[in-house]
Structures are given as C-alpha cells and as structure tokens.
Amino acid sequence: MKKVKSFKFKLKLKSKEQEITLKKNIGCNRFVWNKALAIQKERMENKQKLLSWYELDWWKNNFWKKSEEYDFLKEVSSQPLNQTLQMLDRAIWDCLTKKVKGRGFPRFKHKKSDSGFRYPVGVKIKNKQVFLPKIGWVHFFKSQEVIGTPKNATVTYYAGDWFVSIQTEIEREDPVHPSKSSVGIDMGVACFAMPSKGKAIK
C-alpha cells in the first residue's frame, strides 16, 4: 500500500541570482496562464471550440518559445508551464460543467495574485537541499526528516519568504485484521439476518 506525505520548508537562498530565477519562473507561469486564458476567452466569444491544454502546450512549444517576443519562456522548465495549462483547463471546465459549486470563470493573474509554481516530477532531496529542474540545488531550513520518495514539489512566495512543499510516497504493508475467524450473513425479508454461524436474528 502506498501512502502520500507532505513536507513544507522555508528556502534558504544563497544568492540574489537564485531569487531572480525563482521570480522569473513565477512570471513565466503567470504569462502562460494569462496568454492561454486570453485565447480561450476569445474563442468562446467567437463561438469556437476551446483548445485542450495539450493543444495550448503545442502552441507554447512551437510558436511562443520560438518567437523573439516570448523566447524568455525557454529560460524556465517546461514542467511548471505544463502544470499551469492543466490547472487552467481544469478551472475552465469546472466552471462550465459546474463540477465545483460556486466556481467562477478563471481570471487573469496579476503580480500580487500569483505566487507559486509546481514541478510534477524530477524533484530530488539531498541533505538540506532540494533539486528543482532548470534551477538546480536550493538550500532549505530542514525542520524535520523527509520520509519517502520525493514525487513533486511546489515553490511559493509569501510575505517576503520562499517556501517549498514536497510530496513524497511511502510504501507500506497492507493492514491485516488480527482476527482469525469470519462469519457470513444473509440479509432477508422474513428473517432480518441469518449468520453462517449461530441463530437467526429476527
């Protein structure tokens, strides 16, 4: 049986360059969200079919990144950008299908409203450092041991500090009931219940 655990630590940045890189990641993810949202809203206004997140990802890789105007997207990992497109896709369809009660249509993000990005894979832990793809090893204040295999990580910025939330997976044996005996029960109409061992229950 697999169990998921979460750990959150404050990052300990070693240089101004690291902070600039983290802010660049947040900025690029915000740009991709706003760019994709603008496209989807325009298509809705023109009564056109919405693009799927992987179609938008194709546009990101084959047009946005290759243009002189948006080539800054090459400087960050594609993983968080893909996650941003998936989250936008989910938010739009949650609203249109009313899967989540009270969920409004997604809004454009501003600098103060967006403060994080997520890596679904490729995260590593070594002592008091976390490896973030295309950023490298970043130190953190280790307040507890990280148990399990790192699966994903989310970097956030709050009140002037940077944090990383790491989700791990732990393999554990399936729980076994201590009892060595069992009983079967037939539910009926004339008789409420008939156990395989014992008397009928009226």
C-alpha atoms as a PDB file:
ATOM      1  CA  MET A   1       0.000   0.000   0.000  1.00  0.00           C
ATOM      2  CA  LYS A   2       1.294   3.439  -0.921  1.00  0.00           C
ATOM      3  CA  LYS A   3       0.850   6.441   1.348  1.00  0.00           C
ATOM      4  CA  VAL A   4       1.428  10.104   0.480  1.00  0.00           C
ATOM      5  CA  LYS A   5       3.067  12.540   2.915  1.00  0.00           C
ATOM      6  CA  SER A   6       3.697  16.267   2.605  1.00  0.00           C
ATOM      7  CA  PHE A   7       6.525  18.399   3.982  1.00  0.00           C
ATOM      8  CA  LYS A   8       6.948  22.173   3.867  1.00  0.00           C
ATOM      9  CA  PHE A   9      10.217  24.037   4.375  1.00  0.00           C
ATOM     10  CA  LYS A  10      11.436  27.609   4.127  1.00  0.00           C
ATOM     11  CA  LEU A  11      14.038  28.042   1.395  1.00  0.00           C
ATOM     12  CA  LYS A  12      17.470  29.412   2.228  1.00  0.00           C
ATOM     13  CA  LEU A  13      18.612  31.242  -0.891  1.00  0.00           C
ATOM     14  CA  LYS A  14      22.387  31.578  -1.310  1.00  0.00           C
ATOM     15  CA  SER A  15      22.447  34.374  -3.865  1.00  0.00           C
ATOM     16  CA  LYS A  16      20.435  37.136  -5.493  1.00  0.00           C
ATOM     17  CA  GLU A  17      20.594  35.170  -8.736  1.00  0.00           C
ATOM     18  CA  GLN A  18      18.597  32.333  -7.191  1.00  0.00           C
ATOM     19  CA  GLU A  19      15.825  34.682  -6.165  1.00  0.00           C
ATOM     20  CA  ILE A  20      15.793  36.267  -9.622  1.00  0.00           C
ATOM     21  CA  THR A  21      15.468  32.784 -11.149  1.00  0.00           C
ATOM     22  CA  LEU A  22      12.567  31.876  -8.850  1.00  0.00           C
ATOM     23  CA  LYS A  23      10.763  35.139  -9.637  1.00  0.00           C
ATOM     24  CA  LYS A  24      11.356  34.531 -13.349  1.00  0.00           C
ATOM     25  CA  ASN A  25       9.610  31.143 -13.008  1.00  0.00           C
ATOM     26  CA  ILE A  26       6.599  32.751 -11.324  1.00  0.00           C
ATOM     27  CA  GLY A  27       6.485  35.438 -14.019  1.00  0.00           C
ATOM     28  CA  CYS A  28       6.637  32.919 -16.878  1.00  0.00           C
ATOM     29  CA  ASN A  29       3.887  30.779 -15.359  1.00  0.00           C
ATOM     30  CA  ARG A  30       1.718  33.853 -14.896  1.00  0.00           C
ATOM     31  CA  PHE A  31       2.350  34.841 -18.524  1.00  0.00           C
ATOM     32  CA  VAL A  32       1.382  31.384 -19.830  1.00  0.00           C
ATOM     33  CA  TRP A  33      -1.819  31.397 -17.729  1.00  0.00           C
ATOM     34  CA  ASN A  34      -2.841  34.847 -18.996  1.00  0.00           C
ATOM     35  CA  LYS A  35      -1.883  34.125 -22.613  1.00  0.00           C
ATOM     36  CA  ALA A  36      -3.809  30.843 -22.684  1.00  0.00           C
ATOM     37  CA  LEU A  37      -6.808  32.359 -20.885  1.00  0.00           C
ATOM     38  CA  ALA A  38      -6.969  35.226 -23.408  1.00  0.00           C
ATOM     39  CA  ILE A  39      -7.012  32.692 -26.270  1.00  0.00           C
ATOM     40  CA  GLN A  40      -9.776  30.626 -24.673  1.00  0.00           C
ATOM     41  CA  LYS A  41     -11.936  33.691 -23.899  1.00  0.00           C
ATOM     42  CA  GLU A  42     -11.559  34.941 -27.477  1.00  0.00           C
ATOM     43  CA  ARG A  43     -12.593  31.522 -28.826  1.00  0.00           C
ATOM     44  CA  MET A  44     -15.637  31.474 -26.555  1.00  0.00           C
ATOM     45  CA  GLU A  45     -16.669  34.966 -27.705  1.00  0.00           C
ATOM     46  CA  ASN A  46     -16.365  33.801 -31.332  1.00  0.00           C
ATOM     47  CA  LYS A  47     -18.299  30.583 -30.526  1.00  0.00           C
ATOM     48  CA  GLN A  48     -15.296  28.425 -31.386  1.00  0.00           C
ATOM     49  CA  LYS A  49     -14.324  25.155 -29.742  1.00  0.00           C
ATOM     50  CA  LEU A  50     -11.973  25.576 -26.785  1.00  0.00           C
ATOM     51  CA  LEU A  51      -8.437  24.264 -27.152  1.00  0.00           C
ATOM     52  CA  SER A  52      -7.285  21.433 -24.898  1.00  0.00           C
ATOM     53  CA  TRP A  53      -4.333  22.054 -22.592  1.00  0.00           C
ATOM     54  CA  TYR A  54      -2.040  19.902 -24.756  1.00  0.00           C
ATOM     55  CA  GLU A  55      -3.038  21.893 -27.863  1.00  0.00           C
ATOM     56  CA  LEU A  56      -2.097  25.059 -26.000  1.00  0.00           C
ATOM     57  CA  ASP A  57       1.127  23.343 -24.929  1.00  0.00           C
ATOM     58  CA  TRP A  58       1.870  22.679 -28.611  1.00  0.00           C
ATOM     59  CA  TRP A  59       1.411  26.380 -29.334  1.00  0.00           C
ATOM     60  CA  LYS A  60       3.688  27.207 -26.403  1.00  0.00           C
ATOM     61  CA  ASN A  61       6.483  24.967 -27.660  1.00  0.00           C
ATOM     62  CA  ASN A  62       6.202  25.621 -31.380  1.00  0.00           C
ATOM     63  CA  PHE A  63       5.273  29.302 -31.539  1.00  0.00           C
ATOM     64  CA  TRP A  64       5.604  31.216 -28.278  1.00  0.00           C
ATOM     65  CA  LYS A  65       9.032  29.877 -27.343  1.00  0.00           C
ATOM     66  CA  LYS A  66      10.316  30.270 -30.888  1.00  0.00           C
ATOM     67  CA  SER A  67       9.227  33.885 -31.224  1.00  0.00           C
ATOM     68  CA  GLU A  68      11.566  36.758 -30.382  1.00  0.00           C
ATOM     69  CA  GLU A  69       8.861  38.327 -28.235  1.00  0.00           C
ATOM     70  CA  TYR A  70       8.301  35.323 -25.952  1.00  0.00           C
ATOM     71  CA  ASP A  71      11.606  33.430 -26.147  1.00  0.00           C
ATOM     72  CA  PHE A  72      12.153  34.139 -22.414  1.00  0.00           C
ATOM     73  CA  LEU A  73       9.976  31.055 -21.820  1.00  0.00           C
ATOM     74  CA  LYS A  74      12.983  28.927 -22.820  1.00  0.00           C
ATOM     75  CA  GLU A  75      14.793  30.012 -19.661  1.00  0.00           C
ATOM     76  CA  VAL A  76      12.460  28.090 -17.324  1.00  0.00           C
ATOM     77  CA  SER A  77      11.445  24.438 -17.010  1.00  0.00           C
ATOM     78  CA  SER A  78       8.505  23.288 -19.146  1.00  0.00           C
ATOM     79  CA  GLN A  79       7.095  21.241 -16.265  1.00  0.00           C
ATOM     80  CA  PRO A  80       5.527  24.115 -14.280  1.00  0.00           C
ATOM     81  CA  LEU A  81       4.302  25.706 -17.523  1.00  0.00           C
ATOM     82  CA  ASN A  82       2.520  22.457 -18.445  1.00  0.00           C
ATOM     83  CA  GLN A  83       1.037  22.304 -14.952  1.00  0.00           C
ATOM     84  CA  THR A  84      -0.252  25.857 -15.353  1.00  0.00           C
ATOM     85  CA  LEU A  85      -2.017  24.948 -18.612  1.00  0.00           C
ATOM     86  CA  GLN A  86      -3.555  21.871 -16.998  1.00  0.00           C
ATOM     87  CA  MET A  87      -4.775  23.867 -13.983  1.00  0.00           C
ATOM     88  CA  LEU A  88      -6.327  26.493 -16.276  1.00  0.00           C
ATOM     89  CA  ASP A  89      -8.011  23.765 -18.338  1.00  0.00           C
ATOM     90  CA  ARG A  90      -9.424  22.174 -15.168  1.00  0.00           C
ATOM     91  CA  ALA A  91     -10.595  25.548 -13.801  1.00  0.00           C
ATOM     92  CA  ILE A  92     -12.435  26.388 -17.041  1.00  0.00           C
ATOM     93  CA  TRP A  93     -14.217  23.035 -17.270  1.00  0.00           C
ATOM     94  CA  ASP A  94     -15.047  23.004 -13.546  1.00  0.00           C
ATOM     95  CA  CYS A  95     -16.837  26.279 -14.176  1.00  0.00           C
ATOM     96  CA  LEU A  96     -18.567  25.326 -17.456  1.00  0.00           C
ATOM     97  CA  THR A  97     -19.710  21.896 -16.226  1.00  0.00           C
ATOM     98  CA  LYS A  98     -20.417  23.208 -12.707  1.00  0.00           C
ATOM     99  CA  LYS A  99     -18.452  20.321 -11.193  1.00  0.00           C
ATOM    100  CA  VAL A 100     -17.390  22.596  -8.352  1.00  0.00           C
ATOM    101  CA  LYS A 101     -20.290  24.528  -6.815  1.00  0.00           C
ATOM    102  CA  GLY A 102     -19.759  28.277  -6.880  1.00  0.00           C
ATOM    103  CA  ARG A 103     -16.621  28.091  -9.060  1.00  0.00           C
ATOM    104  CA  GLY A 104     -16.440  31.192 -11.233  1.00  0.00           C
ATOM    105  CA  PHE A 105     -14.683  31.538 -14.560  1.00  0.00           C
ATOM    106  CA  PRO A 106     -10.863  31.869 -14.242  1.00  0.00           C
ATOM    107  CA  ARG A 107      -9.451  35.381 -14.060  1.00  0.00           C
ATOM    108  CA  PHE A 108      -6.253  36.920 -15.348  1.00  0.00           C
ATOM    109  CA  LYS A 109      -3.429  36.806 -12.830  1.00  0.00           C
ATOM    110  CA  HIS A 110      -1.533  39.847 -11.561  1.00  0.00           C
ATOM    111  CA  LYS A 111       1.815  40.029  -9.797  1.00  0.00           C
ATOM    112  CA  LYS A 112       0.206  40.138  -6.350  1.00  0.00           C
ATOM    113  CA  SER A 113      -2.306  37.363  -7.070  1.00  0.00           C
ATOM    114  CA  ASP A 114       0.110  34.675  -8.265  1.00  0.00           C
ATOM    115  CA  SER A 115       2.950  33.405  -6.132  1.00  0.00           C
ATOM    116  CA  GLY A 116       3.911  29.839  -6.961  1.00  0.00           C
ATOM    117  CA  PHE A 117       4.741  27.101  -9.465  1.00  0.00           C
ATOM    118  CA  ARG A 118       4.736  23.291  -9.355  1.00  0.00           C
ATOM    119  CA  TYR A 119       7.071  20.507 -10.510  1.00  0.00           C
ATOM    120  CA  PRO A 120       5.217  17.180 -11.047  1.00  0.00           C
ATOM    121  CA  VAL A 121       8.447  15.147 -11.471  1.00  0.00           C
ATOM    122  CA  GLY A 122      12.235  15.454 -11.333  1.00  0.00           C
ATOM    123  CA  VAL A 123      12.497  16.632  -7.713  1.00  0.00           C
ATOM    124  CA  LYS A 124      15.390  15.336  -5.573  1.00  0.00           C
ATOM    125  CA  ILE A 125      16.389  15.758  -1.925  1.00  0.00           C
ATOM    126  CA  LYS A 126      19.977  15.689  -0.623  1.00  0.00           C
ATOM    127  CA  ASN A 127      20.670  16.606   2.999  1.00  0.00           C
ATOM    128  CA  LYS A 128      19.362  20.184   3.304  1.00  0.00           C
ATOM    129  CA  GLN A 129      18.958  20.826  -0.405  1.00  0.00           C
ATOM    130  CA  VAL A 130      16.186  20.310  -2.941  1.00  0.00           C
ATOM    131  CA  PHE A 131      16.850  19.928  -6.659  1.00  0.00           C
ATOM    132  CA  LEU A 132      14.449  21.880  -8.871  1.00  0.00           C
ATOM    133  CA  PRO A 133      14.696  21.217 -12.652  1.00  0.00           C
ATOM    134  CA  LYS A 134      16.392  24.018 -14.597  1.00  0.00           C
ATOM    135  CA  ILE A 135      17.100  25.867 -11.326  1.00  0.00           C
ATOM    136  CA  GLY A 136      19.447  23.437  -9.579  1.00  0.00           C
ATOM    137  CA  TRP A 137      20.109  22.695  -5.912  1.00  0.00           C
ATOM    138  CA  VAL A 138      18.493  25.109  -3.459  1.00  0.00           C
ATOM    139  CA  HIS A 139      19.104  25.034   0.313  1.00  0.00           C
ATOM    140  CA  PHE A 140      16.235  24.904   2.794  1.00  0.00           C
ATOM    141  CA  PHE A 141      15.829  25.023   6.579  1.00  0.00           C
ATOM    142  CA  LYS A 142      15.362  21.369   7.467  1.00  0.00           C
ATOM    143  CA  SER A 143      12.961  21.257  10.413  1.00  0.00           C
ATOM    144  CA  GLN A 144      12.230  17.526  10.045  1.00  0.00           C
ATOM    145  CA  GLU A 145      13.371  14.450   8.144  1.00  0.00           C
ATOM    146  CA  VAL A 146      11.866  13.919   4.705  1.00  0.00           C
ATOM    147  CA  ILE A 147      10.375  10.432   4.687  1.00  0.00           C
ATOM    148  CA  GLY A 148       9.622   8.591   1.450  1.00  0.00           C
ATOM    149  CA  THR A 149      10.442   9.088  -2.220  1.00  0.00           C
ATOM    150  CA  PRO A 150      10.002  12.697  -3.466  1.00  0.00           C
ATOM    151  CA  LYS A 151       7.327  12.837  -6.171  1.00  0.00           C
ATOM    152  CA  ASN A 152       6.565  16.520  -6.725  1.00  0.00           C
ATOM    153  CA  ALA A 153       7.247  19.957  -5.290  1.00  0.00           C
ATOM    154  CA  THR A 154       5.553  23.337  -5.212  1.00  0.00           C
ATOM    155  CA  VAL A 155       7.525  26.552  -4.717  1.00  0.00           C
ATOM    156  CA  THR A 156       5.654  29.515  -3.228  1.00  0.00           C
ATOM    157  CA  TYR A 157       6.439  33.095  -2.263  1.00  0.00           C
ATOM    158  CA  TYR A 158       4.702  34.604   0.753  1.00  0.00           C
ATOM    159  CA  ALA A 159       5.366  37.741   2.824  1.00  0.00           C
ATOM    160  CA  GLY A 160       8.920  38.115   1.561  1.00  0.00           C
ATOM    161  CA  ASP A 161       9.945  34.468   2.049  1.00  0.00           C
ATOM    162  CA  TRP A 162      10.230  31.472  -0.269  1.00  0.00           C
ATOM    163  CA  PHE A 163       8.904  28.018   0.628  1.00  0.00           C
ATOM    164  CA  VAL A 164       8.938  24.554  -0.904  1.00  0.00           C
ATOM    165  CA  SER A 165       6.229  21.959  -0.306  1.00  0.00           C
ATOM    166  CA  ILE A 166       7.421  18.437  -1.083  1.00  0.00           C
ATOM    167  CA  GLN A 167       5.097  15.484  -1.546  1.00  0.00           C
ATOM    168  CA  THR A 168       6.570  12.020  -1.033  1.00  0.00           C
ATOM    169  CA  GLU A 169       5.342   8.471  -1.460  1.00  0.00           C
ATOM    170  CA  ILE A 170       5.851   5.748   1.153  1.00  0.00           C
ATOM    171  CA  GLU A 171       5.435   2.025   0.550  1.00  0.00           C
ATOM    172  CA  ARG A 172       3.716   0.294   3.471  1.00  0.00           C
ATOM    173  CA  GLU A 173       2.307  -3.177   4.030  1.00  0.00           C
ATOM    174  CA  ASP A 174      -1.459  -3.528   3.726  1.00  0.00           C
ATOM    175  CA  PRO A 175      -3.123  -3.645   7.149  1.00  0.00           C
ATOM    176  CA  VAL A 176      -4.209  -7.116   8.260  1.00  0.00           C
ATOM    177  CA  HIS A 177      -7.053  -7.655  10.698  1.00  0.00           C
ATOM    178  CA  PRO A 178      -5.870  -9.566  13.809  1.00  0.00           C
ATOM    179  CA  SER A 179      -8.939 -11.848  13.892  1.00  0.00           C
ATOM    180  CA  LYS A 180      -8.518 -15.426  12.574  1.00  0.00           C
ATOM    181  CA  SER A 181     -12.249 -16.155  12.231  1.00  0.00           C
ATOM    182  CA  SER A 182     -15.026 -14.853   9.979  1.00  0.00           C
ATOM    183  CA  VAL A 183     -18.794 -15.104   9.551  1.00  0.00           C
ATOM    184  CA  GLY A 184     -21.114 -14.700   6.593  1.00  0.00           C
ATOM    185  CA  ILE A 185     -24.535 -13.014   6.945  1.00  0.00           C
ATOM    186  CA  ASP A 186     -27.610 -13.399   4.711  1.00  0.00           C
ATOM    187  CA  MET A 187     -29.961 -10.407   4.812  1.00  0.00           C
ATOM    188  CA  GLY A 188     -33.601 -11.359   4.217  1.00  0.00           C
ATOM    189  CA  VAL A 189     -37.237 -10.279   4.416  1.00  0.00           C
ATOM    190  CA  ALA A 190     -38.899 -12.946   6.546  1.00  0.00           C
ATOM    191  CA  CYS A 191     -35.770 -13.073   8.686  1.00  0.00           C
ATOM    192  CA  PHE A 192     -33.684  -9.922   9.230  1.00  0.00           C
ATOM    193  CA  ALA A 193     -30.323 -11.729   9.202  1.00  0.00           C
ATOM    194  CA  MET A 194     -29.075 -15.326   9.127  1.00  0.00           C
ATOM    195  CA  PRO A 195     -25.409 -15.727  10.201  1.00  0.00           C
ATOM    196  CA  SER A 196     -23.425 -18.692   8.862  1.00  0.00           C
ATOM    197  CA  LYS A 197     -22.625 -19.454  12.492  1.00  0.00           C
ATOM    198  CA  GLY A 198     -25.284 -19.029  15.163  1.00  0.00           C
ATOM    199  CA  LYS A 199     -29.020 -18.357  15.287  1.00  0.00           C
ATOM    200  CA  ALA A 200     -31.227 -16.238  13.070  1.00  0.00           C
ATOM    201  CA  ILE A 201     -31.720 -12.587  14.016  1.00  0.00           C
ATOM    202  CA  LYS A 202     -35.418 -11.626  13.762  1.00  0.00           C
END
